[in-house]
Protein backbone atom coordinates (compact mmCIF):
# COMPACT_ATOMS: atom_id res chain seq x y z
CA UNK A 1 2.11 -12.57 -1.10
CA UNK A 2 4.29 -12.44 2.08
CA UNK A 3 6.14 -15.61 3.43
CA UNK A 4 7.40 -16.54 6.85
CA UNK A 5 10.47 -14.47 7.99
CA UNK A 6 10.16 -12.09 5.05
CA UNK A 7 11.81 -8.76 5.97
CA UNK A 8 11.30 -6.83 2.82
CA UNK A 9 8.26 -5.80 0.76
CA UNK A 10 6.09 -8.11 -1.12
CA UNK A 11 6.72 -8.38 -4.82
CA UNK A 12 5.20 -5.41 -6.65
CA UNK A 13 2.00 -6.19 -8.56
CA UNK A 14 1.20 -2.64 -9.69
CA UNK A 15 3.16 0.31 -11.07
CA UNK A 16 2.44 2.26 -7.85
CA UNK A 17 3.99 -0.40 -5.69
CA UNK A 18 7.05 -0.49 -7.95
CA UNK A 19 7.53 3.20 -7.47
CA UNK A 20 7.10 2.87 -3.72
CA UNK A 21 9.84 0.19 -3.56
CA UNK A 22 12.15 2.29 -5.73
CA UNK A 23 11.62 5.29 -3.46
CA UNK A 24 12.21 3.18 -0.34
CA UNK A 25 15.49 1.86 -1.76
CA UNK A 26 16.55 5.39 -2.82
CA UNK A 27 15.95 6.78 0.77
CA UNK A 28 17.74 3.74 2.31
CA UNK A 29 20.86 4.40 0.19
CA UNK A 30 20.87 8.13 1.36
CA UNK A 31 20.37 7.00 4.97
CA UNK A 32 23.23 4.47 4.84
CA UNK A 33 25.55 7.03 3.39
CA UNK A 34 24.70 9.58 6.03
CA UNK A 35 25.12 7.08 8.86
CA UNK A 36 28.55 5.95 7.52
CA UNK A 37 29.84 9.56 7.34
CA UNK A 38 28.50 10.45 10.78
CA UNK A 39 30.04 7.43 12.52
CA UNK A 40 33.30 8.00 10.66
CA UNK A 41 33.40 11.48 12.00
CA UNK A 42 32.67 10.38 15.55
CA UNK A 43 35.34 7.68 15.59
CA UNK A 44 37.78 10.18 14.18
CA UNK A 45 37.17 12.58 16.99
CA UNK A 46 37.78 9.75 19.53
CA UNK A 47 41.11 8.79 18.24
CA UNK A 48 42.50 12.15 17.20
CA UNK A 49 44.75 13.57 19.96
CA UNK A 50 45.53 17.05 18.59
CA UNK A 51 42.61 19.32 17.72
CA UNK A 52 42.51 22.56 15.79
CA UNK A 53 40.56 25.26 17.64
CA UNK A 54 40.09 27.23 14.44
CA UNK A 55 38.43 24.16 12.87
CA UNK A 56 36.16 23.59 15.77
CA UNK A 57 35.01 27.16 15.79
CA UNK A 58 34.89 27.68 12.09
CA UNK A 59 31.88 29.38 10.57
CA UNK A 60 32.64 27.62 7.26
CA UNK A 61 32.16 24.27 8.83
CA UNK A 62 28.90 25.29 10.37
CA UNK A 63 27.76 26.58 7.07
CA UNK A 64 28.62 23.30 5.38
CA UNK A 65 26.73 21.15 7.95
CA UNK A 66 23.77 23.45 7.50
CA UNK A 67 23.70 23.68 3.69
CA UNK A 68 24.39 19.96 2.97
CA UNK A 69 21.48 18.58 5.04
CA UNK A 70 19.22 21.18 3.19
CA UNK A 71 20.25 19.78 -0.14
CA UNK A 72 19.77 16.24 1.01
CA UNK A 73 16.24 17.10 2.09
CA UNK A 74 15.56 18.61 -1.35
CA UNK A 75 16.79 15.41 -3.12
CA UNK A 76 14.40 13.46 -0.88
CA UNK A 77 11.52 15.91 -1.28
CA UNK A 78 11.26 15.86 -5.12
CA UNK A 79 10.87 12.13 -5.51
CA UNK A 80 8.40 12.04 -2.69
CA UNK A 81 6.25 14.75 -4.25
CA UNK A 82 6.41 13.08 -7.63
CA UNK A 83 5.13 9.74 -5.89
CA UNK A 84 2.33 11.65 -4.25
CA UNK A 85 1.36 13.01 -7.73
CA UNK A 86 1.33 9.50 -9.15
CA UNK A 87 -0.93 8.18 -6.41
CA UNK A 88 -3.64 10.59 -7.45
CA UNK A 89 -2.90 10.59 -11.17
CA UNK A 90 -5.94 8.51 -12.27
CA UNK A 91 -8.78 10.91 -13.11
CA UNK A 92 -10.98 8.84 -15.31
CA UNK A 93 -11.13 5.27 -13.86
CA UNK A 94 -12.56 2.37 -15.93
CA UNK A 95 -14.44 0.94 -12.94
CA UNK A 96 -15.64 2.26 -9.49
CA UNK A 97 -16.06 -0.05 -6.57
CA UNK A 98 -17.39 0.93 -3.19
CA UNK A 99 -15.85 -0.99 -0.24
CA UNK A 100 -17.76 -0.72 3.13
CA UNK A 101 -16.20 -2.19 6.34
CA UNK A 102 -18.27 -3.94 8.89
CA UNK A 103 -17.51 -5.80 12.19
CA UNK A 104 -16.14 -8.11 10.81
CA UNK A 105 -16.48 -8.46 7.05
CA UNK A 106 -16.45 -6.28 3.91
CA UNK A 107 -19.26 -5.45 1.55
CA UNK A 108 -18.72 -4.33 -1.98
CA UNK A 109 -20.86 -2.48 -4.46
CA UNK A 110 -20.06 -1.97 -8.14
CA UNK A 111 -21.48 1.47 -8.64
CA UNK A 112 -21.24 1.33 -12.47
CA UNK A 113 -23.66 -1.68 -12.61
CA UNK A 114 -27.09 -2.20 -11.17
CA UNK A 115 -27.78 -4.92 -8.73
CA UNK A 116 -24.10 -5.91 -8.34
CA UNK A 117 -23.25 -6.00 -4.63
CA UNK A 118 -22.18 -8.68 -2.24
CA UNK A 119 -20.67 -9.34 1.18
CA UNK A 120 -17.22 -10.88 1.60
CA UNK A 121 -16.59 -13.10 4.56
CA UNK A 122 -13.52 -15.08 5.56
CA UNK A 123 -13.60 -18.73 4.74
CA UNK A 124 -13.18 -20.70 8.02
CA UNK A 125 -10.45 -23.32 8.34
CA UNK A 126 -12.85 -26.31 8.25
CA UNK A 127 -14.34 -25.05 4.95
CA UNK A 128 -11.08 -24.42 3.08
CA UNK A 129 -10.40 -26.31 -0.12
CA UNK A 130 -7.03 -27.79 -1.00
CA UNK A 131 -4.50 -25.04 -1.84
CA UNK A 132 -6.45 -22.19 -0.18
CA UNK A 133 -4.81 -19.88 2.24
CA UNK A 134 -5.79 -19.94 5.93
CA UNK A 135 -7.19 -16.74 7.32
CA UNK A 136 -6.85 -15.03 3.87
CA UNK A 137 -9.43 -16.74 1.64
CA UNK A 138 -13.01 -15.24 1.28
CA UNK A 139 -16.17 -16.55 -0.11
CA UNK A 140 -16.62 -13.76 -2.58
CA UNK A 141 -13.58 -12.13 -4.16
CA UNK A 142 -13.39 -8.60 -5.58
CA UNK A 143 -13.19 -9.25 -9.38
CA UNK A 144 -11.52 -6.40 -11.42
CA UNK A 145 -10.36 -6.27 -14.99
CA UNK A 146 -6.67 -6.29 -15.50
CA UNK A 147 -4.77 -3.49 -17.27
CA UNK A 148 -7.56 -1.03 -16.47
CA UNK A 149 -7.58 1.80 -13.78
CA UNK A 150 -9.82 0.94 -10.82
CA UNK A 151 -11.18 3.46 -8.24
CA UNK A 152 -12.26 2.13 -4.80
CA UNK A 153 -14.42 4.39 -2.49
CA UNK A 154 -13.73 3.20 1.02
CA UNK A 155 -15.96 3.85 4.08
CA UNK A 156 -17.22 2.05 7.25
CA UNK A 157 -20.57 1.42 8.81
CA UNK A 158 -19.43 1.06 12.40
CA UNK A 159 -15.78 1.58 13.51
CA UNK A 160 -12.44 2.40 11.92
CA UNK A 161 -11.23 -0.15 9.39
CA UNK A 162 -8.44 -0.10 6.75
CA UNK A 163 -8.65 -1.54 3.28
CA UNK A 164 -5.07 -2.68 2.44
CA UNK A 165 -3.47 -4.72 -0.38
CA UNK A 166 0.36 -4.67 0.17
CA UNK A 167 1.32 -6.06 -3.21
CA UNK A 168 -0.61 -3.34 -4.95
CA UNK A 169 0.61 -0.51 -2.72
CA UNK A 170 -2.83 0.24 -1.29
CA UNK A 171 -3.83 1.18 2.24
CA UNK A 172 -6.82 3.38 2.79
CA UNK A 173 -8.63 4.02 6.10
CA UNK A 174 -12.32 3.25 6.30
CA UNK A 175 -13.86 6.00 8.44
CA UNK A 176 -17.58 6.04 9.50
CA UNK A 177 -19.39 8.95 7.70
CA UNK A 178 -16.47 9.72 5.45
CA UNK A 179 -15.75 8.51 1.89
CA UNK A 180 -12.06 8.01 1.08
CA UNK A 181 -10.73 7.19 -2.38
CA UNK A 182 -7.85 5.03 -3.66
CA UNK A 183 -6.89 4.08 -7.21
CA UNK A 184 -4.84 1.23 -8.58
CA UNK A 185 -4.12 -0.60 -11.74
CA UNK A 186 -3.29 -4.35 -12.08
CA UNK A 187 -1.04 -4.91 -15.11
CA UNK A 188 -1.55 -8.62 -15.09
CA UNK A 189 -4.08 -11.30 -14.10
CA UNK A 190 -3.64 -12.79 -10.62
CA UNK A 191 -4.96 -13.05 -7.11
CA UNK A 192 -3.84 -10.46 -4.49
CA UNK A 193 -4.37 -10.83 -0.77
CA UNK A 194 -4.76 -8.21 2.00
CA UNK A 195 -6.23 -7.70 5.47
CA UNK A 196 -7.83 -4.99 7.51
CA UNK A 197 -4.98 -2.96 8.86
CA UNK A 198 -6.75 -0.95 11.52
CA UNK A 199 -7.49 -2.69 14.88
CA UNK A 200 -11.36 -2.72 14.80
CA UNK A 201 -12.38 -5.20 17.51
CA UNK A 202 -12.22 -8.80 18.62
CA UNK A 203 -12.40 -10.31 15.15
CA UNK A 204 -10.03 -7.77 13.47
CA UNK A 205 -7.77 -10.53 12.14
CA UNK A 206 -10.60 -12.29 10.46
CA UNK A 207 -11.71 -9.87 7.74
CA UNK A 208 -9.31 -10.51 4.83
CA UNK A 209 -9.42 -8.81 1.33
CA UNK A 210 -8.96 -10.75 -1.85
CA UNK A 211 -8.76 -9.07 -5.34
CA UNK A 212 -8.76 -11.26 -8.44
CA UNK A 213 -7.60 -9.55 -11.64
CA UNK A 214 -8.87 -11.14 -14.86
CA UNK A 215 -8.96 -10.12 -18.56
CA UNK A 216 -11.59 -7.58 -19.43
CA UNK A 217 -13.66 -9.98 -21.62
CA UNK A 218 -13.76 -12.50 -18.78
CA UNK A 219 -14.78 -9.72 -16.41
CA UNK A 220 -17.70 -8.76 -18.60
CA UNK A 221 -18.87 -12.39 -18.65
CA UNK A 222 -18.60 -12.49 -14.79
CA UNK A 223 -20.67 -9.32 -14.45
CA UNK A 224 -23.30 -10.68 -16.75
CA UNK A 225 -23.59 -14.05 -14.97
CA UNK A 226 -23.65 -12.36 -11.52
CA UNK A 227 -26.45 -10.03 -12.41
CA UNK A 228 -28.56 -12.59 -14.18
CA UNK A 229 -28.14 -15.18 -11.37
């Protein structure tokens, strides 16, 4: 999760987030090179006394500064399109979960199982146990099996919300009357924190999201115990 004064991304916890970070670094390298070349050209014009009028009015130069940016945009577009394809690549998920935003908490429904639904509220500071994270811990975590594709159907019952887990590369708007879909895969066990990323009212900052990824056998035991209790 994020720490104080952190300027970069959180450590990637899913293949999608790894690709997003790689794409960000790739674009950043391109932008730095373009910035260096542009500033070098500007400073060169400031300190050059003699100018060549044929160079300034050259159609060849105009062609170069038109074609080169076009190629740069192509090199940016292909990785971007590939990443968009990877985001929607999962067609047969192992598990489907419905996340419904409320003012100001989340409710979850495991649509593949009967009678498995619950509300998830933030744990207040006075009720936190030792080691729990303030403003991020919830009373009921979203339990998912690791190394399996998960589909989340996101919607809202009142106003706009946003279901976001930064370390997994997930951010999906919860719109009233509309069902949005996001997919992810947790390659390892762990606990991943997120928050509502759409200003939804006075308690917007108090509706966190917690996903706990566990082995599949443990997940089956959790489902069995939850339904029978």
